[in-house]
Amino acid sequence: MNYLGNVIRQIIENALNQVDGELEEVLPDYIINKYNLYDINKAIKSIHFPESFNDYNLARERLAFEELFTMQLTLLNLKNKYEIANNGIEFSKNIKMEDIIKELPFELTNAQRKVLKEINSDMESNKAMNRLLQGDVGSRKNYCSVNLCI
């Protein structure tokens, strides 16, 4: 290892000695136990100074889990705030989705019917929604989006 690498390693070691197992755990115990994760102090120590390759992998798994977990919670929080702050447009209950479906020049799959039922339910409420219309090339997404969503 070169001189700079040794200096950085010593800085990390000194920092870990300063906190000496006092990092605050952010994940609940039941999550740590359920997924058999390292606690935060062991993960931080093991990511920098692993005792084995397995030790390193378990530390990495814990830190990646925490990052994804907190990102999911943040996104869920943003979604909830958006739904509370924004009302959607409440469409008339007189327009029946089945009547529109009958006009289509092709048959829908059961999955497509299920999704349209969900969309219809959402559109009859004042719930704000975001939808992504996806499908294979040639599945008439454009026809559906122009004729059903306007």
N, C-alpha and C. Protein backbone atom coordinates (compact mmCIF):
# COMPACT_ATOMS: atom_id res chain seq x y z
N MET A 1 0.85 -1.17 0.00
CA MET A 1 0.00 0.00 0.00
C MET A 1 0.90 1.24 0.00
N ASN A 2 0.49 2.24 -0.74
CA ASN A 2 1.30 3.46 -0.81
C ASN A 2 1.08 4.34 0.43
N TYR A 3 1.84 5.40 0.51
CA TYR A 3 1.80 6.29 1.66
C TYR A 3 0.41 6.88 1.87
N LEU A 4 -0.22 7.39 0.79
CA LEU A 4 -1.54 8.01 0.89
C LEU A 4 -2.57 6.99 1.37
N GLY A 5 -2.48 5.78 0.86
CA GLY A 5 -3.40 4.72 1.29
C GLY A 5 -3.26 4.44 2.77
N ASN A 6 -2.03 4.42 3.27
CA ASN A 6 -1.79 4.20 4.70
C ASN A 6 -2.35 5.34 5.55
N VAL A 7 -2.21 6.57 5.05
CA VAL A 7 -2.73 7.73 5.78
C VAL A 7 -4.26 7.65 5.86
N ILE A 8 -4.89 7.35 4.74
CA ILE A 8 -6.36 7.25 4.72
C ILE A 8 -6.83 6.13 5.64
N ARG A 9 -6.15 5.00 5.58
CA ARG A 9 -6.49 3.86 6.45
C ARG A 9 -6.38 4.27 7.93
N GLN A 10 -5.34 5.01 8.28
CA GLN A 10 -5.14 5.44 9.67
C GLN A 10 -6.22 6.44 10.09
N ILE A 11 -6.61 7.32 9.18
CA ILE A 11 -7.69 8.29 9.47
C ILE A 11 -9.00 7.55 9.75
N ILE A 12 -9.31 6.56 8.93
CA ILE A 12 -10.54 5.79 9.12
C ILE A 12 -10.49 5.04 10.45
N GLU A 13 -9.35 4.43 10.73
CA GLU A 13 -9.19 3.70 11.99
C GLU A 13 -9.35 4.64 13.20
N ASN A 14 -8.77 5.82 13.12
CA ASN A 14 -8.91 6.79 14.21
C ASN A 14 -10.38 7.23 14.37
N ALA A 15 -11.06 7.45 13.26
CA ALA A 15 -12.46 7.86 13.32
C ALA A 15 -13.31 6.76 13.97
N LEU A 16 -13.06 5.51 13.59
CA LEU A 16 -13.81 4.40 14.19
C LEU A 16 -13.52 4.28 15.69
N ASN A 17 -12.29 4.53 16.07
CA ASN A 17 -11.94 4.50 17.50
C ASN A 17 -12.64 5.62 18.26
N GLN A 18 -12.84 6.77 17.60
CA GLN A 18 -13.52 7.90 18.23
C GLN A 18 -14.99 7.58 18.53
N VAL A 19 -15.66 6.95 17.58
CA VAL A 19 -17.08 6.64 17.79
C VAL A 19 -17.26 5.37 18.62
N ASP A 20 -16.27 4.49 18.60
CA ASP A 20 -16.18 3.30 19.44
C ASP A 20 -17.53 2.62 19.70
N GLY A 21 -18.22 2.25 18.63
CA GLY A 21 -19.48 1.53 18.78
C GLY A 21 -20.66 2.37 19.19
N GLU A 22 -20.56 3.68 19.07
CA GLU A 22 -21.63 4.57 19.54
C GLU A 22 -22.48 5.13 18.40
N LEU A 23 -22.33 4.60 17.19
CA LEU A 23 -23.17 5.09 16.09
C LEU A 23 -24.62 4.70 16.38
N GLU A 24 -25.52 5.62 16.12
CA GLU A 24 -26.94 5.38 16.41
C GLU A 24 -27.56 4.48 15.35
N GLU A 25 -28.23 3.46 15.79
CA GLU A 25 -28.90 2.52 14.88
C GLU A 25 -30.17 3.17 14.35
N VAL A 26 -30.36 3.11 13.03
CA VAL A 26 -31.55 3.69 12.44
C VAL A 26 -32.59 2.63 12.05
N LEU A 27 -32.15 1.41 11.88
CA LEU A 27 -33.09 0.34 11.54
C LEU A 27 -33.67 -0.26 12.82
N PRO A 28 -34.96 -0.55 12.81
CA PRO A 28 -35.56 -1.19 13.98
C PRO A 28 -34.99 -2.60 14.20
N ASP A 29 -34.96 -3.03 15.45
CA ASP A 29 -34.43 -4.35 15.78
C ASP A 29 -35.13 -5.46 15.02
N TYR A 30 -36.45 -5.35 14.87
CA TYR A 30 -37.16 -6.44 14.20
C TYR A 30 -36.74 -6.58 12.73
N ILE A 31 -36.36 -5.48 12.09
CA ILE A 31 -35.87 -5.54 10.70
C ILE A 31 -34.48 -6.19 10.68
N ILE A 32 -33.63 -5.76 11.59
CA ILE A 32 -32.28 -6.34 11.67
C ILE A 32 -32.36 -7.84 11.91
N ASN A 33 -33.22 -8.25 12.82
CA ASN A 33 -33.37 -9.68 13.13
C ASN A 33 -34.01 -10.45 11.99
N LYS A 34 -35.05 -9.88 11.40
CA LYS A 34 -35.76 -10.56 10.31
C LYS A 34 -34.85 -10.86 9.13
N TYR A 35 -34.00 -9.90 8.79
CA TYR A 35 -33.13 -10.05 7.62
C TYR A 35 -31.70 -10.44 8.00
N ASN A 36 -31.50 -10.73 9.28
CA ASN A 36 -30.20 -11.22 9.76
C ASN A 36 -29.06 -10.26 9.35
N LEU A 37 -29.25 -8.98 9.67
CA LEU A 37 -28.30 -7.95 9.27
C LEU A 37 -27.35 -7.61 10.42
N TYR A 38 -26.17 -7.13 10.05
CA TYR A 38 -25.24 -6.59 11.05
C TYR A 38 -25.85 -5.32 11.63
N ASP A 39 -25.53 -5.03 12.90
CA ASP A 39 -25.90 -3.72 13.43
C ASP A 39 -24.97 -2.69 12.78
N ILE A 40 -25.32 -1.42 12.89
CA ILE A 40 -24.61 -0.37 12.16
C ILE A 40 -23.14 -0.27 12.56
N ASN A 41 -22.83 -0.44 13.83
CA ASN A 41 -21.44 -0.33 14.27
C ASN A 41 -20.57 -1.46 13.71
N LYS A 42 -21.10 -2.67 13.74
CA LYS A 42 -20.34 -3.80 13.18
C LYS A 42 -20.21 -3.65 11.66
N ALA A 43 -21.26 -3.17 11.01
CA ALA A 43 -21.22 -3.00 9.56
C ALA A 43 -20.17 -1.98 9.14
N ILE A 44 -20.11 -0.85 9.85
CA ILE A 44 -19.14 0.20 9.51
C ILE A 44 -17.71 -0.30 9.74
N LYS A 45 -17.51 -0.98 10.86
CA LYS A 45 -16.17 -1.51 11.15
C LYS A 45 -15.78 -2.57 10.11
N SER A 46 -16.72 -3.45 9.79
CA SER A 46 -16.43 -4.57 8.88
C SER A 46 -16.27 -4.13 7.43
N ILE A 47 -16.91 -3.04 7.06
CA ILE A 47 -16.76 -2.58 5.67
C ILE A 47 -15.36 -2.01 5.45
N HIS A 48 -14.78 -1.43 6.50
CA HIS A 48 -13.44 -0.86 6.40
C HIS A 48 -12.33 -1.82 6.80
N PHE A 49 -12.62 -2.64 7.78
CA PHE A 49 -11.61 -3.58 8.29
C PHE A 49 -12.23 -4.97 8.47
N PRO A 50 -12.60 -5.60 7.37
CA PRO A 50 -13.25 -6.91 7.47
C PRO A 50 -12.28 -7.99 7.96
N GLU A 51 -12.84 -8.93 8.72
CA GLU A 51 -12.03 -10.05 9.19
C GLU A 51 -11.97 -11.16 8.15
N SER A 52 -12.93 -11.15 7.22
CA SER A 52 -12.96 -12.15 6.14
C SER A 52 -13.75 -11.55 4.98
N PHE A 53 -13.72 -12.25 3.87
CA PHE A 53 -14.49 -11.79 2.71
C PHE A 53 -15.98 -11.86 3.02
N ASN A 54 -16.40 -12.88 3.74
CA ASN A 54 -17.80 -13.01 4.13
C ASN A 54 -18.21 -11.85 5.05
N ASP A 55 -17.34 -11.49 5.96
CA ASP A 55 -17.58 -10.37 6.87
C ASP A 55 -17.81 -9.09 6.06
N TYR A 56 -16.98 -8.87 5.06
CA TYR A 56 -17.11 -7.70 4.18
C TYR A 56 -18.46 -7.74 3.45
N ASN A 57 -18.82 -8.91 2.91
CA ASN A 57 -20.08 -9.03 2.17
C ASN A 57 -21.29 -8.77 3.06
N LEU A 58 -21.26 -9.25 4.30
CA LEU A 58 -22.38 -9.03 5.21
C LEU A 58 -22.49 -7.54 5.59
N ALA A 59 -21.35 -6.89 5.75
CA ALA A 59 -21.36 -5.45 6.04
C ALA A 59 -21.92 -4.67 4.85
N ARG A 60 -21.48 -5.04 3.68
CA ARG A 60 -21.95 -4.38 2.45
C ARG A 60 -23.45 -4.58 2.26
N GLU A 61 -23.91 -5.80 2.54
CA GLU A 61 -25.33 -6.11 2.45
C GLU A 61 -26.15 -5.23 3.40
N ARG A 62 -25.67 -5.08 4.63
CA ARG A 62 -26.36 -4.25 5.62
C ARG A 62 -26.46 -2.80 5.15
N LEU A 63 -25.34 -2.25 4.68
CA LEU A 63 -25.32 -0.85 4.28
C LEU A 63 -26.17 -0.62 3.03
N ALA A 64 -26.16 -1.55 2.10
CA ALA A 64 -27.00 -1.44 0.90
C ALA A 64 -28.47 -1.54 1.28
N PHE A 65 -28.78 -2.46 2.19
CA PHE A 65 -30.16 -2.62 2.66
C PHE A 65 -30.65 -1.31 3.27
N GLU A 66 -29.84 -0.73 4.15
CA GLU A 66 -30.24 0.51 4.81
C GLU A 66 -30.48 1.62 3.80
N GLU A 67 -29.61 1.72 2.82
CA GLU A 67 -29.76 2.77 1.81
C GLU A 67 -31.06 2.59 1.02
N LEU A 68 -31.33 1.37 0.58
CA LEU A 68 -32.56 1.13 -0.18
C LEU A 68 -33.80 1.28 0.70
N PHE A 69 -33.71 0.83 1.94
CA PHE A 69 -34.82 0.93 2.88
C PHE A 69 -35.18 2.39 3.13
N THR A 70 -34.19 3.22 3.40
CA THR A 70 -34.47 4.63 3.67
C THR A 70 -34.95 5.35 2.41
N MET A 71 -34.46 4.94 1.25
CA MET A 71 -34.93 5.55 0.01
C MET A 71 -36.41 5.19 -0.22
N GLN A 72 -36.78 3.94 0.04
CA GLN A 72 -38.18 3.52 -0.11
C GLN A 72 -39.08 4.29 0.85
N LEU A 73 -38.64 4.44 2.10
CA LEU A 73 -39.43 5.19 3.08
C LEU A 73 -39.60 6.65 2.65
N THR A 74 -38.54 7.24 2.14
CA THR A 74 -38.59 8.63 1.67
C THR A 74 -39.57 8.77 0.51
N LEU A 75 -39.51 7.84 -0.45
CA LEU A 75 -40.42 7.89 -1.59
C LEU A 75 -41.87 7.70 -1.15
N LEU A 76 -42.09 6.79 -0.21
CA LEU A 76 -43.43 6.56 0.31
C LEU A 76 -43.95 7.81 1.02
N ASN A 77 -43.09 8.46 1.78
CA ASN A 77 -43.45 9.69 2.47
C ASN A 77 -43.82 10.79 1.46
N LEU A 78 -43.02 10.94 0.42
CA LEU A 78 -43.31 11.93 -0.62
C LEU A 78 -44.64 11.64 -1.31
N LYS A 79 -44.88 10.37 -1.60
CA LYS A 79 -46.14 9.96 -2.25
C LYS A 79 -47.32 10.30 -1.35
N ASN A 80 -47.21 9.98 -0.06
CA ASN A 80 -48.30 10.28 0.87
C ASN A 80 -48.56 11.78 0.97
N LYS A 81 -47.49 12.58 1.04
CA LYS A 81 -47.65 14.03 1.09
C LYS A 81 -48.32 14.55 -0.18
N TYR A 82 -47.93 13.99 -1.33
CA TYR A 82 -48.50 14.40 -2.62
C TYR A 82 -49.99 14.08 -2.65
N GLU A 83 -50.36 12.87 -2.20
CA GLU A 83 -51.76 12.47 -2.23
C GLU A 83 -52.61 13.32 -1.30
N ILE A 84 -52.06 13.71 -0.17
CA ILE A 84 -52.80 14.55 0.78
C ILE A 84 -52.95 15.97 0.25
N ALA A 85 -51.89 16.49 -0.36
CA ALA A 85 -51.87 17.89 -0.81
C ALA A 85 -52.60 18.11 -2.13
N ASN A 86 -52.72 17.07 -2.95
CA ASN A 86 -53.27 17.25 -4.29
C ASN A 86 -54.48 16.36 -4.51
N ASN A 87 -55.58 17.00 -4.86
CA ASN A 87 -56.75 16.23 -5.26
C ASN A 87 -56.72 16.02 -6.76
N GLY A 88 -57.20 14.89 -7.17
CA GLY A 88 -57.30 14.60 -8.59
C GLY A 88 -58.59 15.17 -9.15
N ILE A 89 -58.83 14.93 -10.41
CA ILE A 89 -60.06 15.37 -11.07
C ILE A 89 -61.07 14.23 -10.93
N GLU A 90 -62.21 14.53 -10.40
CA GLU A 90 -63.24 13.51 -10.21
C GLU A 90 -64.11 13.46 -11.47
N PHE A 91 -64.04 12.35 -12.19
CA PHE A 91 -64.80 12.20 -13.42
C PHE A 91 -66.20 11.68 -13.12
N SER A 92 -67.08 11.86 -14.06
CA SER A 92 -68.47 11.44 -13.90
C SER A 92 -68.57 9.92 -13.76
N LYS A 93 -69.47 9.50 -12.88
CA LYS A 93 -69.71 8.08 -12.69
C LYS A 93 -70.67 7.54 -13.75
N ASN A 94 -71.23 8.44 -14.57
CA ASN A 94 -72.18 8.02 -15.60
C ASN A 94 -71.52 7.35 -16.79
N ILE A 95 -70.25 7.64 -17.00
CA ILE A 95 -69.53 7.02 -18.12
C ILE A 95 -69.04 5.67 -17.65
N LYS A 96 -69.43 4.62 -18.34
CA LYS A 96 -69.09 3.25 -17.95
C LYS A 96 -67.92 2.75 -18.78
N MET A 97 -66.91 2.25 -18.09
CA MET A 97 -65.71 1.73 -18.75
C MET A 97 -66.06 0.59 -19.70
N GLU A 98 -67.04 -0.24 -19.33
CA GLU A 98 -67.44 -1.37 -20.19
C GLU A 98 -67.92 -0.89 -21.55
N ASP A 99 -68.63 0.24 -21.58
CA ASP A 99 -69.11 0.78 -22.86
C ASP A 99 -67.94 1.18 -23.75
N ILE A 100 -66.91 1.75 -23.14
CA ILE A 100 -65.73 2.15 -23.91
C ILE A 100 -64.98 0.91 -24.39
N ILE A 101 -64.86 -0.08 -23.52
CA ILE A 101 -64.14 -1.31 -23.88
C ILE A 101 -64.81 -2.01 -25.05
N LYS A 102 -66.15 -2.00 -25.08
CA LYS A 102 -66.89 -2.65 -26.18
C LYS A 102 -66.59 -2.00 -27.53
N GLU A 103 -66.20 -0.72 -27.51
CA GLU A 103 -65.90 0.01 -28.75
C GLU A 103 -64.51 -0.30 -29.30
N LEU A 104 -63.68 -0.94 -28.50
CA LEU A 104 -62.32 -1.23 -28.96
C LEU A 104 -62.34 -2.28 -30.07
N PRO A 105 -61.48 -2.12 -31.08
CA PRO A 105 -61.45 -3.08 -32.19
C PRO A 105 -60.63 -4.34 -31.87
N PHE A 106 -60.42 -4.63 -30.59
CA PHE A 106 -59.66 -5.82 -30.17
C PHE A 106 -60.11 -6.21 -28.78
N GLU A 107 -59.80 -7.43 -28.40
CA GLU A 107 -60.15 -7.94 -27.07
C GLU A 107 -59.06 -7.60 -26.06
N LEU A 108 -59.47 -7.25 -24.86
CA LEU A 108 -58.52 -7.00 -23.79
C LEU A 108 -58.23 -8.29 -23.03
N THR A 109 -57.03 -8.37 -22.49
CA THR A 109 -56.69 -9.49 -21.62
C THR A 109 -57.33 -9.27 -20.25
N ASN A 110 -57.36 -10.31 -19.44
CA ASN A 110 -57.90 -10.17 -18.08
C ASN A 110 -57.11 -9.14 -17.28
N ALA A 111 -55.78 -9.13 -17.46
CA ALA A 111 -54.93 -8.17 -16.74
C ALA A 111 -55.27 -6.74 -17.17
N GLN A 112 -55.50 -6.54 -18.46
CA GLN A 112 -55.85 -5.21 -18.95
C GLN A 112 -57.21 -4.77 -18.40
N ARG A 113 -58.15 -5.69 -18.35
CA ARG A 113 -59.48 -5.38 -17.79
C ARG A 113 -59.36 -4.99 -16.31
N LYS A 114 -58.52 -5.74 -15.58
CA LYS A 114 -58.33 -5.47 -14.15
C LYS A 114 -57.77 -4.07 -13.94
N VAL A 115 -56.75 -3.71 -14.73
CA VAL A 115 -56.13 -2.39 -14.60
C VAL A 115 -57.11 -1.29 -14.96
N LEU A 116 -57.88 -1.50 -16.02
CA LEU A 116 -58.87 -0.48 -16.40
C LEU A 116 -59.94 -0.31 -15.32
N LYS A 117 -60.28 -1.39 -14.65
CA LYS A 117 -61.23 -1.29 -13.53
C LYS A 117 -60.64 -0.45 -12.40
N GLU A 118 -59.35 -0.67 -12.10
CA GLU A 118 -58.67 0.12 -11.08
C GLU A 118 -58.60 1.59 -11.48
N ILE A 119 -58.26 1.85 -12.73
CA ILE A 119 -58.18 3.23 -13.22
C ILE A 119 -59.55 3.89 -13.13
N ASN A 120 -60.57 3.16 -13.55
CA ASN A 120 -61.93 3.70 -13.50
C ASN A 120 -62.32 4.07 -12.07
N SER A 121 -62.01 3.21 -11.14
CA SER A 121 -62.30 3.47 -9.72
C SER A 121 -61.56 4.71 -9.24
N ASP A 122 -60.29 4.82 -9.61
CA ASP A 122 -59.50 5.99 -9.22
C ASP A 122 -60.06 7.27 -9.85
N MET A 123 -60.50 7.17 -11.11
CA MET A 123 -60.98 8.36 -11.80
C MET A 123 -62.32 8.83 -11.27
N GLU A 124 -63.08 7.92 -10.65
CA GLU A 124 -64.36 8.31 -10.06
C GLU A 124 -64.19 8.90 -8.66
N SER A 125 -62.97 8.86 -8.15
CA SER A 125 -62.69 9.49 -6.86
C SER A 125 -61.90 10.77 -7.13
N ASN A 126 -61.63 11.52 -6.07
CA ASN A 126 -60.81 12.72 -6.26
C ASN A 126 -59.36 12.43 -5.89
N LYS A 127 -58.99 11.17 -5.90
CA LYS A 127 -57.63 10.74 -5.58
C LYS A 127 -56.69 11.09 -6.73
N ALA A 128 -55.58 11.75 -6.40
CA ALA A 128 -54.58 12.05 -7.43
C ALA A 128 -53.88 10.75 -7.80
N MET A 129 -53.60 10.58 -9.07
CA MET A 129 -52.92 9.36 -9.49
C MET A 129 -51.93 9.65 -10.60
N ASN A 130 -50.93 8.82 -10.66
CA ASN A 130 -49.97 8.82 -11.75
C ASN A 130 -50.02 7.44 -12.37
N ARG A 131 -50.16 7.36 -13.66
CA ARG A 131 -50.24 6.08 -14.34
C ARG A 131 -49.24 6.07 -15.49
N LEU A 132 -48.66 4.92 -15.72
CA LEU A 132 -47.77 4.71 -16.85
C LEU A 132 -48.39 3.63 -17.72
N LEU A 133 -48.68 3.97 -18.96
CA LEU A 133 -49.23 3.01 -19.90
C LEU A 133 -48.06 2.35 -20.61
N GLN A 134 -47.94 1.05 -20.41
CA GLN A 134 -46.83 0.34 -21.05
C GLN A 134 -47.35 -0.90 -21.74
N GLY A 135 -46.61 -1.36 -22.72
CA GLY A 135 -46.99 -2.56 -23.45
C GLY A 135 -45.98 -2.84 -24.53
N ASP A 136 -46.11 -4.00 -25.12
CA ASP A 136 -45.22 -4.40 -26.20
C ASP A 136 -45.43 -3.52 -27.42
N VAL A 137 -44.42 -3.51 -28.27
CA VAL A 137 -44.53 -2.79 -29.54
C VAL A 137 -45.70 -3.42 -30.30
N GLY A 138 -46.59 -2.56 -30.82
CA GLY A 138 -47.73 -3.05 -31.58
C GLY A 138 -48.93 -3.42 -30.73
N SER A 139 -48.89 -3.10 -29.44
CA SER A 139 -50.01 -3.48 -28.56
C SER A 139 -51.09 -2.39 -28.49
N ARG A 140 -50.99 -1.43 -29.37
CA ARG A 140 -51.98 -0.36 -29.52
C ARG A 140 -52.06 0.56 -28.30
N LYS A 141 -50.92 0.82 -27.69
CA LYS A 141 -50.87 1.75 -26.55
C LYS A 141 -51.37 3.12 -26.98
N ASN A 142 -50.95 3.56 -28.14
CA ASN A 142 -51.32 4.89 -28.62
C ASN A 142 -52.83 4.99 -28.79
N TYR A 143 -53.42 3.98 -29.37
CA TYR A 143 -54.89 3.97 -29.56
C TYR A 143 -55.57 4.08 -28.20
N CYS A 144 -55.11 3.28 -27.25
CA CYS A 144 -55.73 3.27 -25.91
C CYS A 144 -55.56 4.61 -25.22
N SER A 145 -54.37 5.15 -25.27
CA SER A 145 -54.13 6.39 -24.52
C SER A 145 -54.89 7.55 -25.11
N VAL A 146 -55.03 7.60 -26.43
CA VAL A 146 -55.74 8.71 -27.06
C VAL A 146 -57.24 8.57 -26.84
N ASN A 147 -57.79 7.37 -27.03
CA ASN A 147 -59.23 7.19 -26.99
C ASN A 147 -59.79 6.94 -25.60
N LEU A 148 -59.01 6.37 -24.70
CA LEU A 148 -59.54 6.07 -23.38
C LEU A 148 -59.23 7.16 -22.36
N CYS A 149 -58.13 7.84 -22.54
CA CYS A 149 -57.68 8.76 -21.51
C CYS A 149 -58.11 10.21 -21.74
N ILE A 150 -58.74 10.48 -22.87
CA ILE A 150 -59.20 11.84 -23.14
C ILE A 150 -60.68 11.94 -22.89
